[in-house]
Amino acid sequence: YENPWTIPNILSMARMGLAPVLGYLIVEENFNVALGVFVLAGVTDLLDGFIARNWANQKSALGSALDPLADKILISVLYVSLTCANLIPVPLTSVILVRDAALIAAVFYVRYKTLSPP
């Protein structure tokens, strides 16, 4: 049994929680606070990677999935909110979202193909 409540996992979940806050702040055009939230999300990403690499008891299989998922969620919310605020064009956001969806689908497909049958 693996403990899912490691510090890196909690930091990744916090980053996921910051994503809607960041999106709201950008849509409301509160860019200074949004920049602070984005920097805070970046610090949580830096810390969770540092802790997971340097303390073996803080690594987890869940964390290896949560960290990139949190990054994808944060970037997707960032692009969508910047598009809603008319700061970047819709086609660029569409390309980013399709790319992220394709990457997630590819990961699931590879994982499905590499698992042994039940």
N, C-alpha and C. Protein backbone atom coordinates (compact mmCIF):
# COMPACT_ATOMS: atom_id res chain seq x y z
N TYR A 1 0.84 -1.18 0.00
CA TYR A 1 0.00 0.00 0.00
C TYR A 1 0.88 1.24 0.00
N GLU A 2 0.54 2.16 -0.87
CA GLU A 2 1.31 3.40 -0.98
C GLU A 2 0.53 4.55 -0.36
N ASN A 3 1.22 5.36 0.41
CA ASN A 3 0.59 6.51 1.04
C ASN A 3 0.34 7.61 -0.01
N PRO A 4 -0.92 7.95 -0.26
CA PRO A 4 -1.18 9.01 -1.24
C PRO A 4 -1.00 10.41 -0.65
N TRP A 5 -0.92 10.52 0.66
CA TRP A 5 -0.85 11.83 1.31
C TRP A 5 0.58 12.27 1.54
N THR A 6 1.34 12.32 0.45
CA THR A 6 2.71 12.83 0.54
C THR A 6 2.69 14.33 0.29
N ILE A 7 3.75 14.99 0.71
CA ILE A 7 3.84 16.44 0.51
C ILE A 7 3.78 16.80 -0.98
N PRO A 8 4.52 16.11 -1.87
CA PRO A 8 4.40 16.46 -3.29
C PRO A 8 2.98 16.29 -3.84
N ASN A 9 2.26 15.26 -3.40
CA ASN A 9 0.88 15.07 -3.87
C ASN A 9 -0.02 16.19 -3.38
N ILE A 10 0.17 16.60 -2.14
CA ILE A 10 -0.63 17.71 -1.59
C ILE A 10 -0.32 19.00 -2.35
N LEU A 11 0.95 19.22 -2.68
CA LEU A 11 1.32 20.41 -3.44
C LEU A 11 0.71 20.37 -4.85
N SER A 12 0.68 19.19 -5.47
CA SER A 12 0.07 19.07 -6.80
C SER A 12 -1.43 19.35 -6.73
N MET A 13 -2.09 18.83 -5.70
CA MET A 13 -3.52 19.09 -5.53
C MET A 13 -3.78 20.57 -5.25
N ALA A 14 -2.87 21.20 -4.51
CA ALA A 14 -3.01 22.64 -4.26
C ALA A 14 -2.89 23.42 -5.57
N ARG A 15 -1.97 22.97 -6.45
CA ARG A 15 -1.82 23.62 -7.75
C ARG A 15 -3.09 23.47 -8.58
N MET A 16 -3.73 22.31 -8.50
CA MET A 16 -5.01 22.12 -9.19
C MET A 16 -6.06 23.07 -8.62
N GLY A 17 -6.03 23.26 -7.30
CA GLY A 17 -6.98 24.17 -6.67
C GLY A 17 -6.73 25.63 -7.02
N LEU A 18 -5.48 25.97 -7.30
CA LEU A 18 -5.15 27.35 -7.67
C LEU A 18 -5.59 27.68 -9.10
N ALA A 19 -5.76 26.68 -9.94
CA ALA A 19 -6.10 26.91 -11.35
C ALA A 19 -7.40 27.71 -11.52
N PRO A 20 -8.51 27.33 -10.88
CA PRO A 20 -9.72 28.13 -11.07
C PRO A 20 -9.60 29.54 -10.48
N VAL A 21 -8.84 29.67 -9.40
CA VAL A 21 -8.61 30.99 -8.81
C VAL A 21 -7.87 31.87 -9.82
N LEU A 22 -6.84 31.31 -10.43
CA LEU A 22 -6.08 32.03 -11.45
C LEU A 22 -6.98 32.43 -12.61
N GLY A 23 -7.79 31.50 -13.08
CA GLY A 23 -8.71 31.80 -14.18
C GLY A 23 -9.67 32.92 -13.84
N TYR A 24 -10.25 32.88 -12.66
CA TYR A 24 -11.17 33.92 -12.22
C TYR A 24 -10.49 35.28 -12.16
N LEU A 25 -9.29 35.31 -11.60
CA LEU A 25 -8.57 36.58 -11.49
C LEU A 25 -8.25 37.17 -12.86
N ILE A 26 -7.90 36.32 -13.82
CA ILE A 26 -7.59 36.82 -15.16
C ILE A 26 -8.86 37.34 -15.85
N VAL A 27 -9.95 36.59 -15.75
CA VAL A 27 -11.20 37.02 -16.37
C VAL A 27 -11.68 38.35 -15.76
N GLU A 28 -11.46 38.50 -14.45
CA GLU A 28 -11.84 39.75 -13.78
C GLU A 28 -10.81 40.85 -13.97
N GLU A 29 -9.77 40.56 -14.74
CA GLU A 29 -8.70 41.51 -15.08
C GLU A 29 -7.95 42.02 -13.85
N ASN A 30 -7.79 41.16 -12.87
CA ASN A 30 -6.99 41.46 -11.68
C ASN A 30 -5.61 40.82 -11.90
N PHE A 31 -4.85 41.41 -12.82
CA PHE A 31 -3.64 40.78 -13.31
C PHE A 31 -2.51 40.73 -12.30
N ASN A 32 -2.41 41.70 -11.41
CA ASN A 32 -1.33 41.69 -10.42
C ASN A 32 -1.48 40.52 -9.45
N VAL A 33 -2.69 40.31 -8.96
CA VAL A 33 -2.93 39.18 -8.06
C VAL A 33 -2.81 37.87 -8.83
N ALA A 34 -3.29 37.85 -10.08
CA ALA A 34 -3.19 36.65 -10.91
C ALA A 34 -1.72 36.26 -11.10
N LEU A 35 -0.86 37.25 -11.31
CA LEU A 35 0.57 36.96 -11.44
C LEU A 35 1.11 36.34 -10.15
N GLY A 36 0.68 36.85 -9.01
CA GLY A 36 1.11 36.27 -7.73
C GLY A 36 0.65 34.84 -7.57
N VAL A 37 -0.60 34.55 -7.97
CA VAL A 37 -1.13 33.19 -7.88
C VAL A 37 -0.37 32.27 -8.83
N PHE A 38 -0.05 32.79 -10.02
CA PHE A 38 0.71 31.98 -10.98
C PHE A 38 2.11 31.68 -10.46
N VAL A 39 2.76 32.66 -9.84
CA VAL A 39 4.09 32.44 -9.25
C VAL A 39 3.98 31.42 -8.12
N LEU A 40 2.94 31.53 -7.29
CA LEU A 40 2.73 30.56 -6.22
C LEU A 40 2.55 29.16 -6.78
N ALA A 41 1.80 29.02 -7.86
CA ALA A 41 1.63 27.71 -8.50
C ALA A 41 2.96 27.20 -9.01
N GLY A 42 3.78 28.08 -9.57
CA GLY A 42 5.11 27.68 -10.03
C GLY A 42 6.00 27.21 -8.89
N VAL A 43 5.90 27.88 -7.75
CA VAL A 43 6.69 27.49 -6.58
C VAL A 43 6.25 26.11 -6.09
N THR A 44 4.92 25.86 -6.09
CA THR A 44 4.46 24.53 -5.66
C THR A 44 4.97 23.45 -6.60
N ASP A 45 5.05 23.76 -7.90
CA ASP A 45 5.58 22.80 -8.87
C ASP A 45 7.06 22.53 -8.61
N LEU A 46 7.80 23.57 -8.37
CA LEU A 46 9.23 23.44 -8.07
C LEU A 46 9.44 22.63 -6.79
N LEU A 47 8.69 22.96 -5.75
CA LEU A 47 8.84 22.27 -4.47
C LEU A 47 8.45 20.80 -4.56
N ASP A 48 7.34 20.51 -5.24
CA ASP A 48 6.92 19.10 -5.27
C ASP A 48 7.93 18.24 -6.02
N GLY A 49 8.51 18.77 -7.08
CA GLY A 49 9.55 18.02 -7.79
C GLY A 49 10.81 17.85 -6.96
N PHE A 50 11.21 18.90 -6.27
CA PHE A 50 12.41 18.85 -5.44
C PHE A 50 12.25 17.84 -4.30
N ILE A 51 11.10 17.88 -3.64
CA ILE A 51 10.86 16.97 -2.51
C ILE A 51 10.78 15.53 -2.99
N ALA A 52 10.07 15.29 -4.09
CA ALA A 52 9.93 13.92 -4.60
C ALA A 52 11.26 13.33 -5.05
N ARG A 53 12.14 14.18 -5.59
CA ARG A 53 13.45 13.68 -6.04
C ARG A 53 14.41 13.43 -4.88
N ASN A 54 14.30 14.18 -3.81
CA ASN A 54 15.29 14.12 -2.74
C ASN A 54 14.89 13.28 -1.53
N TRP A 55 13.62 12.92 -1.40
CA TRP A 55 13.19 12.06 -0.30
C TRP A 55 12.43 10.88 -0.87
N ALA A 56 13.01 9.71 -0.77
CA ALA A 56 12.43 8.50 -1.38
C ALA A 56 11.04 8.19 -0.83
N ASN A 57 10.80 8.47 0.45
CA ASN A 57 9.50 8.15 1.03
C ASN A 57 8.41 9.13 0.57
N GLN A 58 8.77 10.14 -0.21
CA GLN A 58 7.80 11.10 -0.72
C GLN A 58 7.41 10.84 -2.18
N LYS A 59 8.04 9.84 -2.80
CA LYS A 59 7.68 9.47 -4.17
C LYS A 59 6.45 8.58 -4.14
N SER A 60 5.62 8.70 -5.17
CA SER A 60 4.46 7.82 -5.27
C SER A 60 4.02 7.69 -6.72
N ALA A 61 3.35 6.59 -7.01
CA ALA A 61 2.80 6.38 -8.35
C ALA A 61 1.72 7.43 -8.62
N LEU A 62 0.93 7.73 -7.60
CA LEU A 62 -0.10 8.76 -7.76
C LEU A 62 0.54 10.10 -8.10
N GLY A 63 1.64 10.42 -7.46
CA GLY A 63 2.33 11.68 -7.71
C GLY A 63 2.86 11.78 -9.13
N SER A 64 3.29 10.64 -9.68
CA SER A 64 3.80 10.67 -11.05
C SER A 64 2.69 10.96 -12.06
N ALA A 65 1.44 10.77 -11.67
CA ALA A 65 0.31 11.12 -12.53
C ALA A 65 -0.25 12.50 -12.17
N LEU A 66 -0.28 12.80 -10.87
CA LEU A 66 -0.86 14.07 -10.42
C LEU A 66 -0.07 15.29 -10.90
N ASP A 67 1.25 15.21 -10.86
CA ASP A 67 2.08 16.37 -11.19
C ASP A 67 1.85 16.83 -12.63
N PRO A 68 1.98 15.95 -13.63
CA PRO A 68 1.72 16.44 -14.99
C PRO A 68 0.26 16.82 -15.22
N LEU A 69 -0.67 16.14 -14.53
CA LEU A 69 -2.08 16.50 -14.67
C LEU A 69 -2.33 17.90 -14.12
N ALA A 70 -1.74 18.20 -12.97
CA ALA A 70 -1.89 19.53 -12.38
C ALA A 70 -1.32 20.60 -13.32
N ASP A 71 -0.18 20.30 -13.94
CA ASP A 71 0.41 21.24 -14.89
C ASP A 71 -0.51 21.47 -16.08
N LYS A 72 -1.08 20.40 -16.62
CA LYS A 72 -1.98 20.51 -17.77
C LYS A 72 -3.24 21.31 -17.41
N ILE A 73 -3.78 21.04 -16.24
CA ILE A 73 -4.97 21.78 -15.79
C ILE A 73 -4.66 23.26 -15.65
N LEU A 74 -3.54 23.57 -15.01
CA LEU A 74 -3.16 24.96 -14.80
C LEU A 74 -2.97 25.69 -16.13
N ILE A 75 -2.24 25.10 -17.05
CA ILE A 75 -1.99 25.74 -18.34
C ILE A 75 -3.27 25.86 -19.16
N SER A 76 -4.12 24.84 -19.12
CA SER A 76 -5.38 24.90 -19.86
C SER A 76 -6.28 26.02 -19.34
N VAL A 77 -6.40 26.11 -18.02
CA VAL A 77 -7.20 27.18 -17.42
C VAL A 77 -6.60 28.54 -17.75
N LEU A 78 -5.28 28.63 -17.72
CA LEU A 78 -4.61 29.88 -18.05
C LEU A 78 -4.94 30.32 -19.48
N TYR A 79 -4.81 29.42 -20.44
CA TYR A 79 -5.09 29.77 -21.83
C TYR A 79 -6.56 30.12 -22.05
N VAL A 80 -7.47 29.34 -21.46
CA VAL A 80 -8.90 29.62 -21.64
C VAL A 80 -9.25 30.98 -21.03
N SER A 81 -8.75 31.27 -19.85
CA SER A 81 -9.07 32.55 -19.22
C SER A 81 -8.44 33.72 -19.96
N LEU A 82 -7.23 33.55 -20.47
CA LEU A 82 -6.62 34.61 -21.27
C LEU A 82 -7.40 34.84 -22.57
N THR A 83 -7.97 33.78 -23.12
CA THR A 83 -8.81 33.91 -24.31
C THR A 83 -10.11 34.63 -23.96
N CYS A 84 -10.71 34.27 -22.83
CA CYS A 84 -11.94 34.94 -22.40
C CYS A 84 -11.71 36.43 -22.14
N ALA A 85 -10.52 36.78 -21.70
CA ALA A 85 -10.17 38.18 -21.45
C ALA A 85 -9.71 38.88 -22.74
N ASN A 86 -9.82 38.19 -23.87
CA ASN A 86 -9.41 38.73 -25.18
C ASN A 86 -7.94 39.14 -25.23
N LEU A 87 -7.09 38.35 -24.58
CA LEU A 87 -5.66 38.65 -24.58
C LEU A 87 -4.87 37.74 -25.51
N ILE A 88 -5.42 36.58 -25.85
CA ILE A 88 -4.80 35.71 -26.84
C ILE A 88 -5.90 35.18 -27.76
N PRO A 89 -5.55 34.82 -28.98
CA PRO A 89 -6.57 34.40 -29.95
C PRO A 89 -7.10 32.98 -29.68
N VAL A 90 -8.34 32.77 -30.09
CA VAL A 90 -9.00 31.47 -29.92
C VAL A 90 -8.24 30.35 -30.61
N PRO A 91 -7.74 30.53 -31.84
CA PRO A 91 -7.03 29.42 -32.49
C PRO A 91 -5.81 28.93 -31.70
N LEU A 92 -5.10 29.84 -31.07
CA LEU A 92 -3.94 29.43 -30.26
C LEU A 92 -4.39 28.58 -29.08
N THR A 93 -5.43 29.01 -28.40
CA THR A 93 -5.97 28.23 -27.27
C THR A 93 -6.46 26.88 -27.75
N SER A 94 -7.09 26.85 -28.90
CA SER A 94 -7.58 25.58 -29.44
C SER A 94 -6.44 24.61 -29.69
N VAL A 95 -5.36 25.09 -30.26
CA VAL A 95 -4.20 24.24 -30.54
C VAL A 95 -3.63 23.69 -29.23
N ILE A 96 -3.50 24.53 -28.23
CA ILE A 96 -2.95 24.10 -26.94
C ILE A 96 -3.85 23.05 -26.30
N LEU A 97 -5.16 23.28 -26.30
CA LEU A 97 -6.08 22.34 -25.68
C LEU A 97 -6.12 21.00 -26.42
N VAL A 98 -6.10 21.05 -27.75
CA VAL A 98 -6.09 19.80 -28.52
C VAL A 98 -4.79 19.04 -28.28
N ARG A 99 -3.68 19.76 -28.22
CA ARG A 99 -2.39 19.11 -27.96
C ARG A 99 -2.41 18.42 -26.59
N ASP A 100 -2.90 19.13 -25.56
CA ASP A 100 -2.94 18.53 -24.22
C ASP A 100 -3.88 17.33 -24.17
N ALA A 101 -5.02 17.42 -24.83
CA ALA A 101 -5.95 16.28 -24.87
C ALA A 101 -5.31 15.09 -25.58
N ALA A 102 -4.59 15.36 -26.66
CA ALA A 102 -3.92 14.28 -27.39
C ALA A 102 -2.83 13.64 -26.53
N LEU A 103 -2.09 14.45 -25.80
CA LEU A 103 -1.05 13.90 -24.92
C LEU A 103 -1.66 13.02 -23.83
N ILE A 104 -2.74 13.48 -23.23
CA ILE A 104 -3.39 12.69 -22.18
C ILE A 104 -3.94 11.39 -22.76
N ALA A 105 -4.57 11.46 -23.94
CA ALA A 105 -5.09 10.25 -24.58
C ALA A 105 -3.96 9.28 -24.92
N ALA A 106 -2.84 9.81 -25.39
CA ALA A 106 -1.70 8.95 -25.73
C ALA A 106 -1.15 8.25 -24.49
N VAL A 107 -1.09 8.95 -23.39
CA VAL A 107 -0.61 8.34 -22.14
C VAL A 107 -1.53 7.21 -21.72
N PHE A 108 -2.84 7.44 -21.78
CA PHE A 108 -3.79 6.39 -21.42
C PHE A 108 -3.68 5.20 -22.36
N TYR A 109 -3.50 5.46 -23.66
CA TYR A 109 -3.39 4.39 -24.63
C TYR A 109 -2.13 3.55 -24.38
N VAL A 110 -1.02 4.21 -24.17
CA VAL A 110 0.24 3.48 -23.92
C VAL A 110 0.12 2.68 -22.63
N ARG A 111 -0.48 3.27 -21.61
CA ARG A 111 -0.66 2.56 -20.34
C ARG A 111 -1.56 1.34 -20.53
N TYR A 112 -2.61 1.48 -21.30
CA TYR A 112 -3.52 0.38 -21.57
C TYR A 112 -2.79 -0.75 -22.32
N LYS A 113 -1.98 -0.40 -23.30
CA LYS A 113 -1.27 -1.39 -24.10
C LYS A 113 -0.16 -2.09 -23.33
N THR A 114 0.41 -1.43 -22.34
CA THR A 114 1.54 -2.02 -21.61
C THR A 114 1.11 -2.81 -20.38
N LEU A 115 -0.15 -2.70 -19.97
CA LEU A 115 -0.63 -3.47 -18.83
C LEU A 115 -0.84 -4.93 -19.24
N SER A 116 -0.52 -5.83 -18.32
CA SER A 116 -0.80 -7.23 -18.63
C SER A 116 -2.29 -7.50 -18.47
N PRO A 117 -2.83 -8.42 -19.26
CA PRO A 117 -4.28 -8.72 -19.17
C PRO A 117 -4.63 -9.27 -17.80
N PRO A 118 -5.84 -9.00 -17.34
CA PRO A 118 -6.25 -9.50 -16.01
C PRO A 118 -6.42 -11.01 -15.98
